[in-house]
Amino acid sequence: FDKFTVVRSICHKDPNHGGGNHYLMTGTPTPVPVGCG
């Protein structure tokens, strides 16, 4: 652990895989709700 950091406090409000993937892979939420898959 002396070689890395853990951030425990990143969060958002999208509980779906589709939206969550987009948010954390682009830094941008989806402009409209998308299906979970």
ModelCIF file with pLDDT and N, C-alpha, C, O atoms, coordinates in Angstrom:
data_MODEL
#
_entry.id   MODEL 
#
_entity.id                         1 
_entity.type                       polymer 
_entity.pdbx_number_of_molecules   1 
#
_entity_poly.entity_id                      1 
_entity_poly.type                           'polypeptide(L)' 
_entity_poly.nstd_linkage                   no 
_entity_poly.nstd_monomer                   no 
_entity_poly.pdbx_seq_one_letter_code       FDKFTVVRSICHKDPNHGGGNHYLMTGTPTPVPVGCG 
_entity_poly.pdbx_seq_one_letter_code_can   FDKFTVVRSICHKDPNHGGGNHYLMTGTPTPVPVGCG 
_entity_poly.pdbx_strand_id                 A 
#
loop_
_entity_poly_seq.entity_id 
_entity_poly_seq.num 
_entity_poly_seq.mon_id 
_entity_poly_seq.hetero 
1 1  PHE n 
1 2  ASP n 
1 3  LYS n 
1 4  PHE n 
1 5  THR n 
1 6  VAL n 
1 7  VAL n 
1 8  ARG n 
1 9  SER n 
1 10 ILE n 
1 11 CYS n 
1 12 HIS n 
1 13 LYS n 
1 14 ASP n 
1 15 PRO n 
1 16 ASN n 
1 17 HIS n 
1 18 GLY n 
1 19 GLY n 
1 20 GLY n 
1 21 ASN n 
1 22 HIS n 
1 23 TYR n 
1 24 LEU n 
1 25 MET n 
1 26 THR n 
1 27 GLY n 
1 28 THR n 
1 29 PRO n 
1 30 THR n 
1 31 PRO n 
1 32 VAL n 
1 33 PRO n 
1 34 VAL n 
1 35 GLY n 
1 36 CYS n 
1 37 GLY n 
#
_struct_asym.id          A 
_struct_asym.entity_id   1 
#
loop_
_ma_qa_metric.id 
_ma_qa_metric.mode 
_ma_qa_metric.name 
_ma_qa_metric.software_group_id 
_ma_qa_metric.type 
1 global pLDDT . pLDDT 
2 local  pLDDT . pLDDT 
#
_ma_qa_metric_global.metric_id      1 
_ma_qa_metric_global.metric_value   97.03 
_ma_qa_metric_global.model_id       1 
_ma_qa_metric_global.ordinal_id     1 
#
loop_
_ma_qa_metric_local.label_asym_id 
_ma_qa_metric_local.label_comp_id 
_ma_qa_metric_local.label_seq_id 
_ma_qa_metric_local.metric_id 
_ma_qa_metric_local.metric_value 
_ma_qa_metric_local.model_id 
_ma_qa_metric_local.ordinal_id 
A PHE 1  2 98.00 1 1  
A ASP 2  2 98.00 1 2  
A LYS 3  2 98.00 1 3  
A PHE 4  2 98.00 1 4  
A THR 5  2 98.00 1 5  
A VAL 6  2 98.00 1 6  
A VAL 7  2 98.00 1 7  
A ARG 8  2 98.00 1 8  
A SER 9  2 98.00 1 9  
A ILE 10 2 98.00 1 10 
A CYS 11 2 98.00 1 11 
A HIS 12 2 98.00 1 12 
A LYS 13 2 97.00 1 13 
A ASP 14 2 97.00 1 14 
A PRO 15 2 97.00 1 15 
A ASN 16 2 97.00 1 16 
A HIS 17 2 97.00 1 17 
A GLY 18 2 97.00 1 18 
A GLY 19 2 97.00 1 19 
A GLY 20 2 98.00 1 20 
A ASN 21 2 98.00 1 21 
A HIS 22 2 98.00 1 22 
A TYR 23 2 98.00 1 23 
A LEU 24 2 98.00 1 24 
A MET 25 2 98.00 1 25 
A THR 26 2 98.00 1 26 
A GLY 27 2 98.00 1 27 
A THR 28 2 98.00 1 28 
A PRO 29 2 98.00 1 29 
A THR 30 2 97.00 1 30 
A PRO 31 2 96.00 1 31 
A VAL 32 2 96.00 1 32 
A PRO 33 2 94.00 1 33 
A VAL 34 2 95.00 1 34 
A GLY 35 2 93.00 1 35 
A CYS 36 2 94.00 1 36 
A GLY 37 2 90.00 1 37 
#
loop_
_atom_site.group_PDB 
_atom_site.id 
_atom_site.type_symbol 
_atom_site.label_atom_id 
_atom_site.label_alt_id 
_atom_site.label_comp_id 
_atom_site.label_asym_id 
_atom_site.label_entity_id 
_atom_site.label_seq_id 
_atom_site.pdbx_PDB_ins_code 
_atom_site.Cartn_x 
_atom_site.Cartn_y 
_atom_site.Cartn_z 
_atom_site.occupancy 
_atom_site.B_iso_or_equiv 
_atom_site.pdbx_formal_charge 
_atom_site.auth_seq_id 
_atom_site.auth_comp_id 
_atom_site.auth_asym_id 
_atom_site.auth_atom_id 
_atom_site.pdbx_PDB_model_num 
ATOM 1   N N  . PHE A 1 1  ? 0.809   -1.213 0.000   1.00 98.00 ? 1  PHE A N  1 
ATOM 2   C CA . PHE A 1 1  ? 0.000   0.000  0.000   1.00 98.00 ? 1  PHE A CA 1 
ATOM 3   C C  . PHE A 1 1  ? 0.847   1.269  0.000   1.00 98.00 ? 1  PHE A C  1 
ATOM 4   O O  . PHE A 1 1  ? 0.355   2.334  -0.374  1.00 98.00 ? 1  PHE A O  1 
ATOM 5   N N  . ASP A 1 2  ? 2.105   1.176  0.411   1.00 98.00 ? 2  ASP A N  1 
ATOM 6   C CA . ASP A 1 2  ? 2.968   2.360  0.413   1.00 98.00 ? 2  ASP A CA 1 
ATOM 7   C C  . ASP A 1 2  ? 3.267   2.857  -0.995  1.00 98.00 ? 2  ASP A C  1 
ATOM 8   O O  . ASP A 1 2  ? 3.892   3.905  -1.160  1.00 98.00 ? 2  ASP A O  1 
ATOM 9   N N  . LYS A 1 3  ? 2.826   2.113  -2.019  1.00 98.00 ? 3  LYS A N  1 
ATOM 10  C CA . LYS A 1 3  ? 3.112   2.498  -3.409  1.00 98.00 ? 3  LYS A CA 1 
ATOM 11  C C  . LYS A 1 3  ? 1.899   3.083  -4.135  1.00 98.00 ? 3  LYS A C  1 
ATOM 12  O O  . LYS A 1 3  ? 2.026   3.484  -5.292  1.00 98.00 ? 3  LYS A O  1 
ATOM 13  N N  . PHE A 1 4  ? 0.728   3.145  -3.497  1.00 98.00 ? 4  PHE A N  1 
ATOM 14  C CA . PHE A 1 4  ? -0.451  3.658  -4.198  1.00 98.00 ? 4  PHE A CA 1 
ATOM 15  C C  . PHE A 1 4  ? -1.424  4.329  -3.239  1.00 98.00 ? 4  PHE A C  1 
ATOM 16  O O  . PHE A 1 4  ? -1.297  4.231  -2.019  1.00 98.00 ? 4  PHE A O  1 
ATOM 17  N N  . THR A 1 5  ? -2.401  5.015  -3.831  1.00 98.00 ? 5  THR A N  1 
ATOM 18  C CA . THR A 1 5  ? -3.452  5.714  -3.093  1.00 98.00 ? 5  THR A CA 1 
ATOM 19  C C  . THR A 1 5  ? -4.791  5.043  -3.373  1.00 98.00 ? 5  THR A C  1 
ATOM 20  O O  . THR A 1 5  ? -5.023  4.535  -4.470  1.00 98.00 ? 5  THR A O  1 
ATOM 21  N N  . VAL A 1 6  ? -5.665  5.046  -2.377  1.00 98.00 ? 6  VAL A N  1 
ATOM 22  C CA . VAL A 1 6  ? -7.044  4.613  -2.574  1.00 98.00 ? 6  VAL A CA 1 
ATOM 23  C C  . VAL A 1 6  ? -7.963  5.804  -2.313  1.00 98.00 ? 6  VAL A C  1 
ATOM 24  O O  . VAL A 1 6  ? -7.936  6.401  -1.237  1.00 98.00 ? 6  VAL A O  1 
ATOM 25  N N  . VAL A 1 7  ? -8.776  6.139  -3.315  1.00 98.00 ? 7  VAL A N  1 
ATOM 26  C CA . VAL A 1 7  ? -9.776  7.192  -3.155  1.00 98.00 ? 7  VAL A CA 1 
ATOM 27  C C  . VAL A 1 7  ? -11.101 6.507  -2.793  1.00 98.00 ? 7  VAL A C  1 
ATOM 28  O O  . VAL A 1 7  ? -11.645 5.739  -3.587  1.00 98.00 ? 7  VAL A O  1 
ATOM 29  N N  . ARG A 1 8  ? -11.606 6.786  -1.603  1.00 98.00 ? 8  ARG A N  1 
ATOM 30  C CA . ARG A 1 8  ? -12.827 6.134  -1.122  1.00 98.00 ? 8  ARG A CA 1 
ATOM 31  C C  . ARG A 1 8  ? -14.074 6.998  -1.282  1.00 98.00 ? 8  ARG A C  1 
ATOM 32  O O  . ARG A 1 8  ? -15.158 6.610  -0.845  1.00 98.00 ? 8  ARG A O  1 
ATOM 33  N N  . SER A 1 9  ? -13.928 8.151  -1.898  1.00 98.00 ? 9  SER A N  1 
ATOM 34  C CA . SER A 1 9  ? -15.042 9.109  -1.843  1.00 98.00 ? 9  SER A CA 1 
ATOM 35  C C  . SER A 1 9  ? -15.496 9.624  -3.205  1.00 98.00 ? 9  SER A C  1 
ATOM 36  O O  . SER A 1 9  ? -16.074 10.708 -3.280  1.00 98.00 ? 9  SER A O  1 
ATOM 37  N N  . ILE A 1 10 ? -15.252 8.880  -4.283  1.00 98.00 ? 10 ILE A N  1 
ATOM 38  C CA . ILE A 1 10 ? -15.834 9.224  -5.577  1.00 98.00 ? 10 ILE A CA 1 
ATOM 39  C C  . ILE A 1 10 ? -17.232 8.601  -5.632  1.00 98.00 ? 10 ILE A C  1 
ATOM 40  O O  . ILE A 1 10 ? -17.408 7.434  -5.279  1.00 98.00 ? 10 ILE A O  1 
ATOM 41  N N  . CYS A 1 11 ? -18.206 9.365  -6.065  1.00 98.00 ? 11 CYS A N  1 
ATOM 42  C CA . CYS A 1 11 ? -19.573 8.835  -6.101  1.00 98.00 ? 11 CYS A CA 1 
ATOM 43  C C  . CYS A 1 11 ? -20.391 9.568  -7.162  1.00 98.00 ? 11 CYS A C  1 
ATOM 44  O O  . CYS A 1 11 ? -20.004 10.632 -7.643  1.00 98.00 ? 11 CYS A O  1 
ATOM 45  N N  . HIS A 1 12 ? -21.531 8.971  -7.513  1.00 98.00 ? 12 HIS A N  1 
ATOM 46  C CA . HIS A 1 12 ? -22.461 9.599  -8.455  1.00 98.00 ? 12 HIS A CA 1 
ATOM 47  C C  . HIS A 1 12 ? -23.843 9.038  -8.179  1.00 98.00 ? 12 HIS A C  1 
ATOM 48  O O  . HIS A 1 12 ? -24.058 8.422  -7.135  1.00 98.00 ? 12 HIS A O  1 
ATOM 49  N N  . LYS A 1 13 ? -24.798 9.239  -9.103  1.00 97.00 ? 13 LYS A N  1 
ATOM 50  C CA . LYS A 1 13 ? -26.179 8.856  -8.829  1.00 97.00 ? 13 LYS A CA 1 
ATOM 51  C C  . LYS A 1 13 ? -26.790 7.923  -9.871  1.00 97.00 ? 13 LYS A C  1 
ATOM 52  O O  . LYS A 1 13 ? -28.003 7.711  -9.870  1.00 97.00 ? 13 LYS A O  1 
ATOM 53  N N  . ASP A 1 14 ? -25.973 7.365  -10.753 1.00 97.00 ? 14 ASP A N  1 
ATOM 54  C CA . ASP A 1 14 ? -26.508 6.493  -11.799 1.00 97.00 ? 14 ASP A CA 1 
ATOM 55  C C  . ASP A 1 14 ? -26.276 5.027  -11.426 1.00 97.00 ? 14 ASP A C  1 
ATOM 56  O O  . ASP A 1 14 ? -25.131 4.575  -11.446 1.00 97.00 ? 14 ASP A O  1 
ATOM 57  N N  . PRO A 1 15 ? -27.323 4.273  -11.088 1.00 97.00 ? 15 PRO A N  1 
ATOM 58  C CA . PRO A 1 15 ? -27.161 2.885  -10.650 1.00 97.00 ? 15 PRO A CA 1 
ATOM 59  C C  . PRO A 1 15 ? -27.152 1.861  -11.784 1.00 97.00 ? 15 PRO A C  1 
ATOM 60  O O  . PRO A 1 15 ? -27.088 0.661  -11.520 1.00 97.00 ? 15 PRO A O  1 
ATOM 61  N N  . ASN A 1 16 ? -27.215 2.303  -13.023 1.00 97.00 ? 16 ASN A N  1 
ATOM 62  C CA . ASN A 1 16 ? -27.245 1.382  -14.158 1.00 97.00 ? 16 ASN A CA 1 
ATOM 63  C C  . ASN A 1 16 ? -25.848 1.187  -14.739 1.00 97.00 ? 16 ASN A C  1 
ATOM 64  O O  . ASN A 1 16 ? -25.029 2.105  -14.747 1.00 97.00 ? 16 ASN A O  1 
ATOM 65  N N  . HIS A 1 17 ? -25.595 -0.025 -15.224 1.00 97.00 ? 17 HIS A N  1 
ATOM 66  C CA . HIS A 1 17 ? -24.284 -0.301 -15.819 1.00 97.00 ? 17 HIS A CA 1 
ATOM 67  C C  . HIS A 1 17 ? -24.008 0.618  -17.009 1.00 97.00 ? 17 HIS A C  1 
ATOM 68  O O  . HIS A 1 17 ? -22.911 1.162  -17.132 1.00 97.00 ? 17 HIS A O  1 
ATOM 69  N N  . GLY A 1 18 ? -25.002 0.790  -17.883 1.00 97.00 ? 18 GLY A N  1 
ATOM 70  C CA . GLY A 1 18 ? -24.803 1.612  -19.072 1.00 97.00 ? 18 GLY A CA 1 
ATOM 71  C C  . GLY A 1 18 ? -24.410 3.038  -18.730 1.00 97.00 ? 18 GLY A C  1 
ATOM 72  O O  . GLY A 1 18 ? -23.419 3.555  -19.245 1.00 97.00 ? 18 GLY A O  1 
ATOM 73  N N  . GLY A 1 19 ? -25.181 3.671  -17.866 1.00 97.00 ? 19 GLY A N  1 
ATOM 74  C CA . GLY A 1 19 ? -24.887 5.049  -17.483 1.00 97.00 ? 19 GLY A CA 1 
ATOM 75  C C  . GLY A 1 19 ? -23.635 5.170  -16.642 1.00 97.00 ? 19 GLY A C  1 
ATOM 76  O O  . GLY A 1 19 ? -22.848 6.100  -16.819 1.00 97.00 ? 19 GLY A O  1 
ATOM 77  N N  . GLY A 1 20 ? -23.446 4.221  -15.716 1.00 98.00 ? 20 GLY A N  1 
ATOM 78  C CA . GLY A 1 20 ? -22.257 4.267  -14.870 1.00 98.00 ? 20 GLY A CA 1 
ATOM 79  C C  . GLY A 1 20 ? -20.981 4.076  -15.659 1.00 98.00 ? 20 GLY A C  1 
ATOM 80  O O  . GLY A 1 20 ? -19.993 4.774  -15.432 1.00 98.00 ? 20 GLY A O  1 
ATOM 81  N N  . ASN A 1 21 ? -21.000 3.124  -16.594 1.00 98.00 ? 21 ASN A N  1 
ATOM 82  C CA . ASN A 1 21 ? -19.843 2.926  -17.468 1.00 98.00 ? 21 ASN A CA 1 
ATOM 83  C C  . ASN A 1 21 ? -19.495 4.208  -18.215 1.00 98.00 ? 21 ASN A C  1 
ATOM 84  O O  . ASN A 1 21 ? -18.337 4.622  -18.259 1.00 98.00 ? 21 ASN A O  1 
ATOM 85  N N  . HIS A 1 22 ? -20.513 4.824  -18.797 1.00 98.00 ? 22 HIS A N  1 
ATOM 86  C CA . HIS A 1 22 ? -20.277 6.041  -19.581 1.00 98.00 ? 22 HIS A CA 1 
ATOM 87  C C  . HIS A 1 22 ? -19.692 7.145  -18.710 1.00 98.00 ? 22 HIS A C  1 
ATOM 88  O O  . HIS A 1 22 ? -18.755 7.832  -19.117 1.00 98.00 ? 22 HIS A O  1 
ATOM 89  N N  . TYR A 1 23 ? -20.240 7.312  -17.522 1.00 98.00 ? 23 TYR A N  1 
ATOM 90  C CA . TYR A 1 23 ? -19.801 8.388  -16.624 1.00 98.00 ? 23 TYR A CA 1 
ATOM 91  C C  . TYR A 1 23 ? -18.343 8.212  -16.223 1.00 98.00 ? 23 TYR A C  1 
ATOM 92  O O  . TYR A 1 23 ? -17.575 9.174  -16.231 1.00 98.00 ? 23 TYR A O  1 
ATOM 93  N N  . LEU A 1 24 ? -17.956 6.988  -15.874 1.00 98.00 ? 24 LEU A N  1 
ATOM 94  C CA . LEU A 1 24 ? -16.595 6.760  -15.379 1.00 98.00 ? 24 LEU A CA 1 
ATOM 95  C C  . LEU A 1 24 ? -15.593 6.471  -16.478 1.00 98.00 ? 24 LEU A C  1 
ATOM 96  O O  . LEU A 1 24 ? -14.393 6.412  -16.208 1.00 98.00 ? 24 LEU A O  1 
ATOM 97  N N  . MET A 1 25 ? -16.050 6.287  -17.723 1.00 98.00 ? 25 MET A N  1 
ATOM 98  C CA . MET A 1 25 ? -15.137 6.092  -18.846 1.00 98.00 ? 25 MET A CA 1 
ATOM 99  C C  . MET A 1 25 ? -14.954 7.353  -19.681 1.00 98.00 ? 25 MET A C  1 
ATOM 100 O O  . MET A 1 25 ? -14.067 7.414  -20.532 1.00 98.00 ? 25 MET A O  1 
ATOM 101 N N  . THR A 1 26 ? -15.796 8.362  -19.436 1.00 98.00 ? 26 THR A N  1 
ATOM 102 C CA . THR A 1 26 ? -15.705 9.606  -20.211 1.00 98.00 ? 26 THR A CA 1 
ATOM 103 C C  . THR A 1 26 ? -15.638 10.843 -19.332 1.00 98.00 ? 26 THR A C  1 
ATOM 104 O O  . THR A 1 26 ? -15.178 11.894 -19.778 1.00 98.00 ? 26 THR A O  1 
ATOM 105 N N  . GLY A 1 27 ? -16.093 10.733 -18.085 1.00 98.00 ? 27 GLY A N  1 
ATOM 106 C CA . GLY A 1 27 ? -16.189 11.899 -17.212 1.00 98.00 ? 27 GLY A CA 1 
ATOM 107 C C  . GLY A 1 27 ? -17.437 12.708 -17.469 1.00 98.00 ? 27 GLY A C  1 
ATOM 108 O O  . GLY A 1 27 ? -17.577 13.821 -16.961 1.00 98.00 ? 27 GLY A O  1 
ATOM 109 N N  . THR A 1 28 ? -18.350 12.154 -18.258 1.00 98.00 ? 28 THR A N  1 
ATOM 110 C CA . THR A 1 28 ? -19.570 12.866 -18.633 1.00 98.00 ? 28 THR A CA 1 
ATOM 111 C C  . THR A 1 28 ? -20.783 11.955 -18.453 1.00 98.00 ? 28 THR A C  1 
ATOM 112 O O  . THR A 1 28 ? -20.766 10.825 -18.943 1.00 98.00 ? 28 THR A O  1 
ATOM 113 N N  . PRO A 1 29 ? -21.825 12.404 -17.772 1.00 98.00 ? 29 PRO A N  1 
ATOM 114 C CA . PRO A 1 29 ? -23.023 11.569 -17.638 1.00 98.00 ? 29 PRO A CA 1 
ATOM 115 C C  . PRO A 1 29 ? -23.758 11.476 -18.962 1.00 98.00 ? 29 PRO A C  1 
ATOM 116 O O  . PRO A 1 29 ? -23.578 12.329 -19.831 1.00 98.00 ? 29 PRO A O  1 
ATOM 117 N N  . THR A 1 30 ? -24.576 10.460 -19.127 1.00 97.00 ? 30 THR A N  1 
ATOM 118 C CA . THR A 1 30 ? -25.382 10.363 -20.343 1.00 97.00 ? 30 THR A CA 1 
ATOM 119 C C  . THR A 1 30 ? -26.434 11.468 -20.322 1.00 97.00 ? 30 THR A C  1 
ATOM 120 O O  . THR A 1 30 ? -26.994 11.746 -19.262 1.00 97.00 ? 30 THR A O  1 
ATOM 121 N N  . PRO A 1 31 ? -26.719 12.102 -21.450 1.00 96.00 ? 31 PRO A N  1 
ATOM 122 C CA . PRO A 1 31 ? -27.690 13.211 -21.477 1.00 96.00 ? 31 PRO A CA 1 
ATOM 123 C C  . PRO A 1 31 ? -29.126 12.744 -21.248 1.00 96.00 ? 31 PRO A C  1 
ATOM 124 O O  . PRO A 1 31 ? -29.992 13.538 -20.881 1.00 96.00 ? 31 PRO A O  1 
ATOM 125 N N  . VAL A 1 32 ? -29.370 11.469 -21.464 1.00 96.00 ? 32 VAL A N  1 
ATOM 126 C CA . VAL A 1 32 ? -30.688 10.876 -21.225 1.00 96.00 ? 32 VAL A CA 1 
ATOM 127 C C  . VAL A 1 32 ? -30.476 9.550  -20.506 1.00 96.00 ? 32 VAL A C  1 
ATOM 128 O O  . VAL A 1 32 ? -29.413 8.947  -20.649 1.00 96.00 ? 32 VAL A O  1 
ATOM 129 N N  . PRO A 1 33 ? -31.451 9.081  -19.740 1.00 94.00 ? 33 PRO A N  1 
ATOM 130 C CA . PRO A 1 33 ? -31.307 7.776  -19.091 1.00 94.00 ? 33 PRO A CA 1 
ATOM 131 C C  . PRO A 1 33 ? -31.142 6.673  -20.132 1.00 94.00 ? 33 PRO A C  1 
ATOM 132 O O  . PRO A 1 33 ? -31.777 6.711  -21.186 1.00 94.00 ? 33 PRO A O  1 
ATOM 133 N N  . VAL A 1 34 ? -30.297 5.698  -19.841 1.00 95.00 ? 34 VAL A N  1 
ATOM 134 C CA . VAL A 1 34 ? -30.070 4.586  -20.762 1.00 95.00 ? 34 VAL A CA 1 
ATOM 135 C C  . VAL A 1 34 ? -30.318 3.275  -20.034 1.00 95.00 ? 34 VAL A C  1 
ATOM 136 O O  . VAL A 1 34 ? -30.298 3.228  -18.804 1.00 95.00 ? 34 VAL A O  1 
ATOM 137 N N  . GLY A 1 35 ? -30.549 2.228  -20.783 1.00 93.00 ? 35 GLY A N  1 
ATOM 138 C CA . GLY A 1 35 ? -30.791 0.915  -20.208 1.00 93.00 ? 35 GLY A CA 1 
ATOM 139 C C  . GLY A 1 35 ? -29.599 0.402  -19.437 1.00 93.00 ? 35 GLY A C  1 
ATOM 140 O O  . GLY A 1 35 ? -28.457 0.791  -19.686 1.00 93.00 ? 35 GLY A O  1 
ATOM 141 N N  . CYS A 1 36 ? -29.883 -0.475 -18.498 1.00 94.00 ? 36 CYS A N  1 
ATOM 142 C CA . CYS A 1 36 ? -28.823 -0.977 -17.625 1.00 94.00 ? 36 CYS A CA 1 
ATOM 143 C C  . CYS A 1 36 ? -27.720 -1.668 -18.416 1.00 94.00 ? 36 CYS A C  1 
ATOM 144 O O  . CYS A 1 36 ? -26.542 -1.536 -18.082 1.00 94.00 ? 36 CYS A O  1 
ATOM 145 N N  . GLY A 1 37 ? -28.090 -2.401 -19.456 1.00 90.00 ? 37 GLY A N  1 
ATOM 146 C CA . GLY A 1 37 ? -27.092 -3.122 -20.232 1.00 90.00 ? 37 GLY A CA 1 
ATOM 147 C C  . GLY A 1 37 ? -26.620 -2.394 -21.464 1.00 90.00 ? 37 GLY A C  1 
ATOM 148 O O  . GLY A 1 37 ? -25.776 -2.907 -22.199 1.00 90.00 ? 37 GLY A O  1 
#
